[in-house]
N, C-alpha and C. Protein backbone atom coordinates (compact mmCIF):
# COMPACT_ATOMS: atom_id res chain seq x y z
N UNK A 1 33.42 -45.48 27.16
CA UNK A 1 33.31 -44.19 27.70
C UNK A 1 32.93 -43.19 26.59
N UNK A 2 33.54 -43.29 25.38
CA UNK A 2 33.41 -42.37 24.43
C UNK A 2 31.77 -42.55 23.92
N UNK A 3 31.34 -43.84 23.86
CA UNK A 3 29.96 -44.06 23.41
C UNK A 3 29.05 -43.40 24.41
N UNK A 4 29.33 -43.32 25.70
CA UNK A 4 28.32 -42.92 26.72
C UNK A 4 28.39 -41.28 26.53
N UNK A 5 29.48 -40.67 26.21
CA UNK A 5 29.65 -39.18 26.17
C UNK A 5 28.88 -38.85 24.85
N UNK A 6 29.17 -39.71 23.78
CA UNK A 6 28.58 -39.35 22.46
C UNK A 6 26.96 -39.42 22.48
N UNK A 7 26.45 -40.40 23.20
CA UNK A 7 25.00 -40.62 23.39
C UNK A 7 24.54 -39.51 24.15
N UNK A 8 25.25 -39.22 25.32
CA UNK A 8 24.65 -38.08 26.21
C UNK A 8 24.52 -36.78 25.43
N UNK A 9 25.60 -36.44 24.51
CA UNK A 9 25.69 -35.23 23.84
C UNK A 9 24.42 -35.31 22.81
N UNK A 10 24.29 -36.55 22.15
CA UNK A 10 23.18 -36.66 21.15
C UNK A 10 21.87 -36.36 21.73
N UNK A 11 21.51 -37.05 22.92
CA UNK A 11 20.34 -36.95 23.60
C UNK A 11 20.11 -35.51 24.06
N UNK A 12 21.12 -34.92 24.57
CA UNK A 12 20.93 -33.40 25.08
C UNK A 12 20.57 -32.49 23.84
N UNK A 13 21.35 -32.90 22.75
CA UNK A 13 21.08 -31.94 21.53
C UNK A 13 19.63 -32.15 20.93
N UNK A 14 19.28 -33.38 21.07
CA UNK A 14 17.85 -33.70 20.47
C UNK A 14 16.90 -33.05 21.37
N UNK A 15 17.01 -33.12 22.74
CA UNK A 15 16.13 -32.42 23.56
C UNK A 15 16.18 -30.94 23.35
N UNK A 16 17.27 -30.31 23.20
CA UNK A 16 17.37 -28.97 22.95
C UNK A 16 16.68 -28.48 21.62
N UNK A 17 16.97 -29.27 20.54
CA UNK A 17 16.33 -28.92 19.28
C UNK A 17 14.73 -29.17 19.33
N UNK A 18 14.28 -30.12 20.00
CA UNK A 18 12.89 -30.44 20.16
C UNK A 18 12.20 -29.21 20.95
N UNK A 19 12.81 -28.76 22.05
CA UNK A 19 12.19 -27.74 22.71
C UNK A 19 12.30 -26.38 21.99
N UNK A 20 13.26 -26.09 21.24
CA UNK A 20 13.41 -24.96 20.28
C UNK A 20 12.44 -24.87 19.32
N UNK A 21 12.18 -26.11 18.62
CA UNK A 21 11.26 -26.05 17.53
C UNK A 21 9.72 -25.64 18.02
N UNK A 22 9.39 -25.97 19.16
CA UNK A 22 8.01 -25.60 19.60
C UNK A 22 8.00 -24.02 19.76
N UNK A 23 9.02 -23.43 20.21
CA UNK A 23 9.12 -22.06 20.27
C UNK A 23 9.11 -21.27 18.98
N UNK A 24 9.71 -21.91 18.03
CA UNK A 24 9.98 -21.28 16.71
C UNK A 24 8.54 -21.45 15.91
N UNK A 25 7.77 -22.32 16.17
CA UNK A 25 6.56 -22.49 15.37
C UNK A 25 5.69 -21.34 15.99
N UNK A 26 5.58 -21.02 17.26
CA UNK A 26 4.66 -20.00 17.84
C UNK A 26 5.16 -18.63 17.33
N UNK A 27 6.58 -18.52 17.40
CA UNK A 27 7.00 -17.15 16.87
C UNK A 27 6.75 -16.93 15.48
N UNK A 28 6.82 -18.01 14.62
CA UNK A 28 6.64 -17.73 13.10
C UNK A 28 5.10 -17.53 12.75
N UNK A 29 4.23 -17.53 13.72
CA UNK A 29 2.87 -17.38 13.32
C UNK A 29 2.00 -18.59 13.02
N UNK A 30 2.56 -19.88 13.41
CA UNK A 30 1.82 -20.99 13.13
C UNK A 30 0.89 -21.48 14.17
N UNK A 31 0.82 -20.65 15.18
CA UNK A 31 -0.17 -20.94 16.29
C UNK A 31 -1.54 -20.61 15.86
N UNK A 32 -2.63 -21.21 16.46
CA UNK A 32 -3.98 -20.92 16.03
C UNK A 32 -4.31 -19.53 16.12
N UNK A 33 -3.83 -18.81 17.32
CA UNK A 33 -4.24 -17.45 17.44
C UNK A 33 -3.65 -16.52 16.28
N UNK A 34 -2.57 -16.83 15.66
CA UNK A 34 -1.92 -16.12 14.65
C UNK A 34 -2.54 -16.24 13.31
N UNK A 35 -3.35 -17.32 13.07
CA UNK A 35 -3.83 -17.57 11.81
C UNK A 35 -5.32 -16.92 11.70
N UNK A 36 -5.71 -16.17 12.70
CA UNK A 36 -7.17 -15.65 12.72
C UNK A 36 -6.94 -14.43 11.73
N UNK A 37 -7.83 -14.26 10.83
CA UNK A 37 -7.90 -13.14 9.86
C UNK A 37 -8.46 -11.89 10.50
N UNK A 38 -7.92 -10.72 10.05
CA UNK A 38 -8.59 -9.46 10.59
C UNK A 38 -9.70 -9.14 9.51
N UNK A 39 -10.66 -8.45 10.08
CA UNK A 39 -11.84 -8.08 9.33
C UNK A 39 -11.41 -6.90 8.29
N UNK A 40 -10.68 -6.08 8.85
CA UNK A 40 -10.05 -4.66 8.14
C UNK A 40 -8.62 -4.85 7.78
N UNK A 41 -8.38 -4.70 6.55
CA UNK A 41 -6.94 -4.61 6.11
C UNK A 41 -6.77 -3.43 5.41
N UNK A 42 -5.78 -2.49 5.84
CA UNK A 42 -5.29 -1.31 5.30
C UNK A 42 -4.36 -1.46 4.20
N UNK A 43 -4.73 -1.07 3.00
CA UNK A 43 -3.72 -1.23 1.88
C UNK A 43 -3.34 0.03 1.22
N UNK A 44 -2.17 -0.03 0.54
CA UNK A 44 -1.64 1.20 -0.10
C UNK A 44 -2.42 1.22 -1.38
N UNK A 45 -2.16 2.33 -2.34
CA UNK A 45 -2.66 2.52 -3.59
C UNK A 45 -2.41 1.41 -4.61
N UNK A 46 -1.19 0.95 -4.80
CA UNK A 46 -0.95 -0.13 -5.67
C UNK A 46 -1.61 -1.37 -5.26
N UNK A 47 -1.64 -1.85 -4.03
CA UNK A 47 -2.40 -2.99 -3.70
C UNK A 47 -3.72 -2.84 -3.90
N UNK A 48 -4.43 -1.66 -3.64
CA UNK A 48 -5.80 -1.37 -3.76
C UNK A 48 -6.15 -1.42 -5.23
N UNK A 49 -5.36 -0.99 -6.15
CA UNK A 49 -5.48 -1.11 -7.59
C UNK A 49 -5.47 -2.48 -7.97
N UNK A 50 -4.51 -3.31 -7.51
CA UNK A 50 -4.56 -4.70 -7.97
C UNK A 50 -5.88 -5.39 -7.40
N UNK A 51 -6.38 -5.11 -6.20
CA UNK A 51 -7.53 -5.70 -5.78
C UNK A 51 -8.73 -5.29 -6.68
N UNK A 52 -8.69 -4.03 -7.15
CA UNK A 52 -9.73 -3.64 -8.18
C UNK A 52 -9.70 -4.42 -9.30
N UNK A 53 -8.43 -4.56 -9.91
CA UNK A 53 -8.10 -5.25 -11.20
C UNK A 53 -8.56 -6.81 -11.03
N UNK A 54 -8.45 -7.36 -9.90
CA UNK A 54 -8.75 -8.59 -9.65
C UNK A 54 -10.21 -8.98 -9.29
N UNK A 55 -10.87 -7.76 -9.38
CA UNK A 55 -12.31 -7.90 -8.96
C UNK A 55 -12.53 -8.49 -7.64
N UNK A 56 -11.65 -8.16 -6.65
CA UNK A 56 -11.76 -8.80 -5.38
C UNK A 56 -12.72 -8.27 -4.31
N UNK A 57 -13.43 -7.32 -4.73
CA UNK A 57 -14.73 -6.77 -3.93
C UNK A 57 -15.35 -5.72 -4.49
N UNK A 58 -16.35 -5.32 -3.86
CA UNK A 58 -17.22 -4.23 -4.17
C UNK A 58 -16.56 -2.93 -3.78
N UNK A 59 -16.34 -1.98 -4.76
CA UNK A 59 -15.74 -0.77 -4.48
C UNK A 59 -16.70 0.35 -4.09
N UNK A 60 -16.42 0.91 -2.80
CA UNK A 60 -17.46 1.87 -2.29
C UNK A 60 -16.62 3.26 -1.90
N UNK A 61 -17.10 4.32 -2.33
CA UNK A 61 -16.65 5.70 -1.97
C UNK A 61 -17.49 6.04 -0.72
N UNK A 62 -16.77 6.37 0.41
CA UNK A 62 -17.69 6.69 1.57
C UNK A 62 -17.57 8.19 1.78
N UNK A 63 -17.26 9.06 0.79
CA UNK A 63 -17.11 10.45 0.85
C UNK A 63 -18.52 11.03 0.52
N UNK A 64 -18.64 12.36 0.61
CA UNK A 64 -19.97 13.09 0.26
C UNK A 64 -20.30 12.80 -1.20
N UNK A 65 -21.50 12.95 -1.61
CA UNK A 65 -21.85 13.00 -3.03
C UNK A 65 -21.07 14.09 -3.84
N UNK A 66 -20.88 15.21 -3.29
CA UNK A 66 -20.11 16.32 -3.92
C UNK A 66 -18.74 15.98 -4.23
N UNK A 67 -18.15 15.27 -3.30
CA UNK A 67 -16.75 14.80 -3.43
C UNK A 67 -16.59 13.75 -4.55
N UNK A 68 -17.77 12.84 -4.41
CA UNK A 68 -17.75 11.71 -5.49
C UNK A 68 -17.81 12.27 -6.85
N UNK A 69 -18.71 13.28 -6.98
CA UNK A 69 -18.95 13.90 -8.31
C UNK A 69 -17.70 14.50 -8.79
N UNK A 70 -16.80 15.14 -8.01
CA UNK A 70 -15.85 15.82 -8.33
C UNK A 70 -14.46 14.83 -8.84
N UNK A 71 -14.69 13.60 -8.57
CA UNK A 71 -13.66 12.60 -9.02
C UNK A 71 -13.77 11.38 -8.02
N UNK A 72 -13.76 10.22 -8.80
CA UNK A 72 -13.65 9.00 -8.10
C UNK A 72 -12.80 7.94 -8.75
N UNK A 73 -12.55 6.98 -7.94
CA UNK A 73 -11.71 5.78 -8.55
C UNK A 73 -12.48 4.95 -9.68
N UNK A 74 -12.03 4.83 -10.67
CA UNK A 74 -12.73 4.05 -11.74
C UNK A 74 -13.17 2.73 -11.22
N UNK A 75 -14.36 2.23 -11.53
CA UNK A 75 -15.02 1.13 -11.09
C UNK A 75 -15.86 1.13 -9.70
N UNK A 76 -15.88 2.34 -9.28
CA UNK A 76 -16.61 2.56 -8.00
C UNK A 76 -18.16 2.21 -8.20
N UNK A 77 -18.57 1.29 -7.33
CA UNK A 77 -20.11 0.79 -7.64
C UNK A 77 -20.99 1.63 -6.75
N UNK A 78 -20.55 2.13 -5.63
CA UNK A 78 -21.44 2.95 -4.68
C UNK A 78 -20.83 4.05 -4.12
N UNK A 79 -21.62 4.97 -3.73
CA UNK A 79 -21.23 6.04 -3.00
C UNK A 79 -22.22 6.23 -1.67
N UNK A 80 -21.69 5.73 -0.59
CA UNK A 80 -22.41 5.76 0.63
C UNK A 80 -21.59 6.58 1.74
N UNK A 81 -22.13 7.85 1.91
CA UNK A 81 -21.50 8.86 2.69
C UNK A 81 -21.50 8.45 4.19
N UNK A 82 -20.23 8.21 4.77
CA UNK A 82 -20.15 7.65 6.10
C UNK A 82 -20.65 8.86 7.23
N UNK A 83 -20.70 10.07 6.72
CA UNK A 83 -21.21 11.15 7.57
C UNK A 83 -22.64 11.36 7.70
N UNK A 84 -23.38 10.71 6.73
CA UNK A 84 -24.74 10.67 6.63
C UNK A 84 -25.41 9.75 7.75
N UNK A 85 -26.52 10.24 8.33
CA UNK A 85 -27.17 9.45 9.36
C UNK A 85 -27.71 8.14 8.83
N UNK A 86 -27.80 7.95 7.54
CA UNK A 86 -28.39 6.78 7.02
C UNK A 86 -27.21 5.79 6.52
N UNK A 87 -26.00 5.97 7.04
CA UNK A 87 -24.88 5.26 6.59
C UNK A 87 -25.14 3.73 7.15
N UNK A 88 -25.50 3.50 8.32
CA UNK A 88 -25.58 2.19 8.80
C UNK A 88 -26.82 1.49 8.14
N UNK A 89 -27.82 2.15 7.92
CA UNK A 89 -29.03 1.72 7.23
C UNK A 89 -28.60 1.12 5.79
N UNK A 90 -27.90 2.03 5.09
CA UNK A 90 -27.54 1.57 3.74
C UNK A 90 -26.59 0.41 3.71
N UNK A 91 -25.67 0.43 4.77
CA UNK A 91 -24.67 -0.69 4.83
C UNK A 91 -25.30 -1.89 5.22
N UNK A 92 -26.43 -1.90 6.07
CA UNK A 92 -27.09 -3.05 6.50
C UNK A 92 -27.68 -3.77 5.33
N UNK A 93 -27.90 -3.15 4.19
CA UNK A 93 -28.55 -3.75 2.93
C UNK A 93 -27.63 -4.61 2.29
N UNK A 94 -26.19 -4.52 2.52
CA UNK A 94 -25.38 -5.13 1.83
C UNK A 94 -24.95 -6.63 2.51
N UNK A 95 -24.43 -7.53 1.62
CA UNK A 95 -24.01 -8.77 2.18
C UNK A 95 -22.84 -8.73 3.01
N UNK A 96 -22.91 -9.09 4.24
CA UNK A 96 -21.76 -9.11 5.09
C UNK A 96 -20.61 -9.92 4.80
N UNK A 97 -20.92 -10.89 4.07
CA UNK A 97 -19.95 -11.95 3.78
C UNK A 97 -18.99 -11.59 2.55
N UNK A 98 -19.46 -10.61 1.72
CA UNK A 98 -18.72 -10.27 0.56
C UNK A 98 -17.67 -9.30 0.94
N UNK A 99 -16.51 -9.27 0.17
CA UNK A 99 -15.48 -8.28 0.46
C UNK A 99 -15.81 -6.81 -0.06
N UNK A 100 -15.35 -5.82 0.66
CA UNK A 100 -15.58 -4.42 0.11
C UNK A 100 -14.31 -3.73 0.16
N UNK A 101 -14.16 -2.95 -0.81
CA UNK A 101 -12.90 -1.98 -0.93
C UNK A 101 -13.49 -0.58 -0.69
N UNK A 102 -13.00 0.05 0.39
CA UNK A 102 -13.58 1.31 0.80
C UNK A 102 -12.47 2.43 0.67
N UNK A 103 -12.95 3.79 0.45
CA UNK A 103 -12.06 4.76 0.30
C UNK A 103 -12.88 6.10 0.65
N UNK A 104 -12.03 7.21 1.02
CA UNK A 104 -12.49 8.52 1.23
C UNK A 104 -11.44 9.42 0.58
N UNK A 105 -11.39 10.61 1.18
CA UNK A 105 -10.49 11.61 0.61
C UNK A 105 -9.05 11.32 1.10
N UNK A 106 -8.89 11.15 2.54
CA UNK A 106 -7.60 10.94 3.03
C UNK A 106 -7.29 9.68 3.80
N UNK A 107 -8.41 8.77 4.03
CA UNK A 107 -8.25 7.58 4.79
C UNK A 107 -8.81 7.62 6.06
N UNK A 108 -9.12 8.86 6.62
CA UNK A 108 -9.65 9.14 8.08
C UNK A 108 -11.14 8.48 8.08
N UNK A 109 -12.01 9.10 7.05
CA UNK A 109 -13.37 8.63 7.18
C UNK A 109 -13.65 7.23 6.67
N UNK A 110 -12.83 6.65 5.83
CA UNK A 110 -12.97 5.30 5.46
C UNK A 110 -12.48 4.25 6.62
N UNK A 111 -11.49 4.86 7.30
CA UNK A 111 -11.06 4.20 8.59
C UNK A 111 -12.24 4.03 9.53
N UNK A 112 -12.89 5.09 9.74
CA UNK A 112 -14.06 5.13 10.61
C UNK A 112 -15.28 4.32 10.10
N UNK A 113 -15.43 4.26 8.72
CA UNK A 113 -16.53 3.44 7.99
C UNK A 113 -16.05 1.97 8.21
N UNK A 114 -14.79 1.67 8.18
CA UNK A 114 -14.36 0.28 8.27
C UNK A 114 -14.63 -0.30 9.69
N UNK A 115 -14.40 0.63 10.72
CA UNK A 115 -14.85 0.27 12.11
C UNK A 115 -16.25 -0.03 12.29
N UNK A 116 -17.04 0.85 11.73
CA UNK A 116 -18.53 0.57 11.85
C UNK A 116 -18.88 -0.63 11.18
N UNK A 117 -18.38 -0.85 9.92
CA UNK A 117 -18.77 -2.05 9.16
C UNK A 117 -18.26 -3.19 9.99
N UNK A 118 -17.17 -3.23 10.52
CA UNK A 118 -16.59 -4.43 11.28
C UNK A 118 -17.51 -4.66 12.47
N UNK A 119 -18.02 -3.56 13.07
CA UNK A 119 -18.99 -3.81 14.31
C UNK A 119 -20.17 -4.27 13.88
N UNK A 120 -20.57 -4.06 12.56
CA UNK A 120 -21.92 -4.61 12.08
C UNK A 120 -21.75 -6.08 11.66
N UNK A 121 -20.64 -6.59 11.51
CA UNK A 121 -20.36 -8.00 11.21
C UNK A 121 -19.83 -8.22 9.95
N UNK A 122 -19.38 -7.09 9.06
CA UNK A 122 -18.75 -7.25 7.81
C UNK A 122 -17.39 -8.07 8.09
N UNK A 123 -17.07 -9.05 7.23
CA UNK A 123 -15.96 -9.77 7.43
C UNK A 123 -14.65 -9.55 6.69
N UNK A 124 -14.66 -8.85 5.45
CA UNK A 124 -13.66 -8.69 4.69
C UNK A 124 -13.73 -7.08 4.12
N UNK A 125 -13.02 -6.32 4.77
CA UNK A 125 -12.95 -4.96 4.44
C UNK A 125 -11.40 -4.47 3.99
N UNK A 126 -11.43 -3.91 2.81
CA UNK A 126 -9.92 -3.32 2.47
C UNK A 126 -10.19 -1.74 2.42
N UNK A 127 -9.37 -1.07 3.26
CA UNK A 127 -9.41 0.21 3.31
C UNK A 127 -8.19 0.88 2.72
N UNK A 128 -8.35 1.85 1.75
CA UNK A 128 -7.31 2.45 1.11
C UNK A 128 -6.67 3.49 1.98
N UNK A 129 -5.27 3.19 2.33
CA UNK A 129 -4.57 4.13 3.14
C UNK A 129 -4.36 5.44 2.27
N UNK A 130 -4.40 6.56 3.06
CA UNK A 130 -4.36 7.90 2.42
C UNK A 130 -5.35 8.25 1.29
N UNK A 131 -6.31 7.42 1.25
CA UNK A 131 -7.59 7.69 0.56
C UNK A 131 -7.22 8.12 -0.90
N UNK A 132 -8.30 8.78 -1.49
CA UNK A 132 -8.33 9.33 -2.83
C UNK A 132 -7.07 10.19 -3.19
N UNK A 133 -6.78 11.03 -2.24
CA UNK A 133 -5.59 11.95 -2.50
C UNK A 133 -4.30 11.07 -2.58
N UNK A 134 -4.13 10.03 -1.79
CA UNK A 134 -2.92 9.15 -1.89
C UNK A 134 -3.03 8.47 -3.28
N UNK A 135 -4.17 7.93 -3.79
CA UNK A 135 -4.42 7.29 -4.92
C UNK A 135 -4.01 8.21 -6.13
N UNK A 136 -4.31 9.38 -6.00
CA UNK A 136 -3.87 10.38 -7.03
C UNK A 136 -2.44 10.67 -7.01
N UNK A 137 -1.96 10.77 -5.64
CA UNK A 137 -0.44 11.17 -5.65
C UNK A 137 0.44 9.94 -6.12
N UNK A 138 0.03 8.78 -6.06
CA UNK A 138 0.56 7.71 -6.46
C UNK A 138 0.45 7.38 -8.04
N UNK A 139 -0.24 8.28 -8.68
CA UNK A 139 -0.38 8.29 -10.05
C UNK A 139 -1.32 7.17 -10.54
N UNK A 140 -2.34 6.82 -9.88
CA UNK A 140 -3.22 5.77 -10.20
C UNK A 140 -4.19 6.41 -11.14
């Protein structure tokens, strides 16, 4: 009788653990839907600085040329004004498979630029949260 009770408890426990492990993997992000990468990643100033140092992508200032001339993040390769009508034309000349690090003054215009770039098929976009002002405030 003790063996039957023990076996019953063991079987119930195994069934319970097996059913729970399936739920745990879905919640932990191991499902195929959870592993899809986002095209746009918003990063703070320290992470943005690390990406620049690691040469992780092409650094683009999406502010006006006047703002860019007044001060820019060291290593900026391009200044393509998101408010200019030629923005999409200029962006279409770039390799959509390369990673790009973009910034503006406060993060709003670069957020808009990131959405445009994503809609154009760019796959890897890093947007600086709080923009150049946040960069300066962080002492970068």
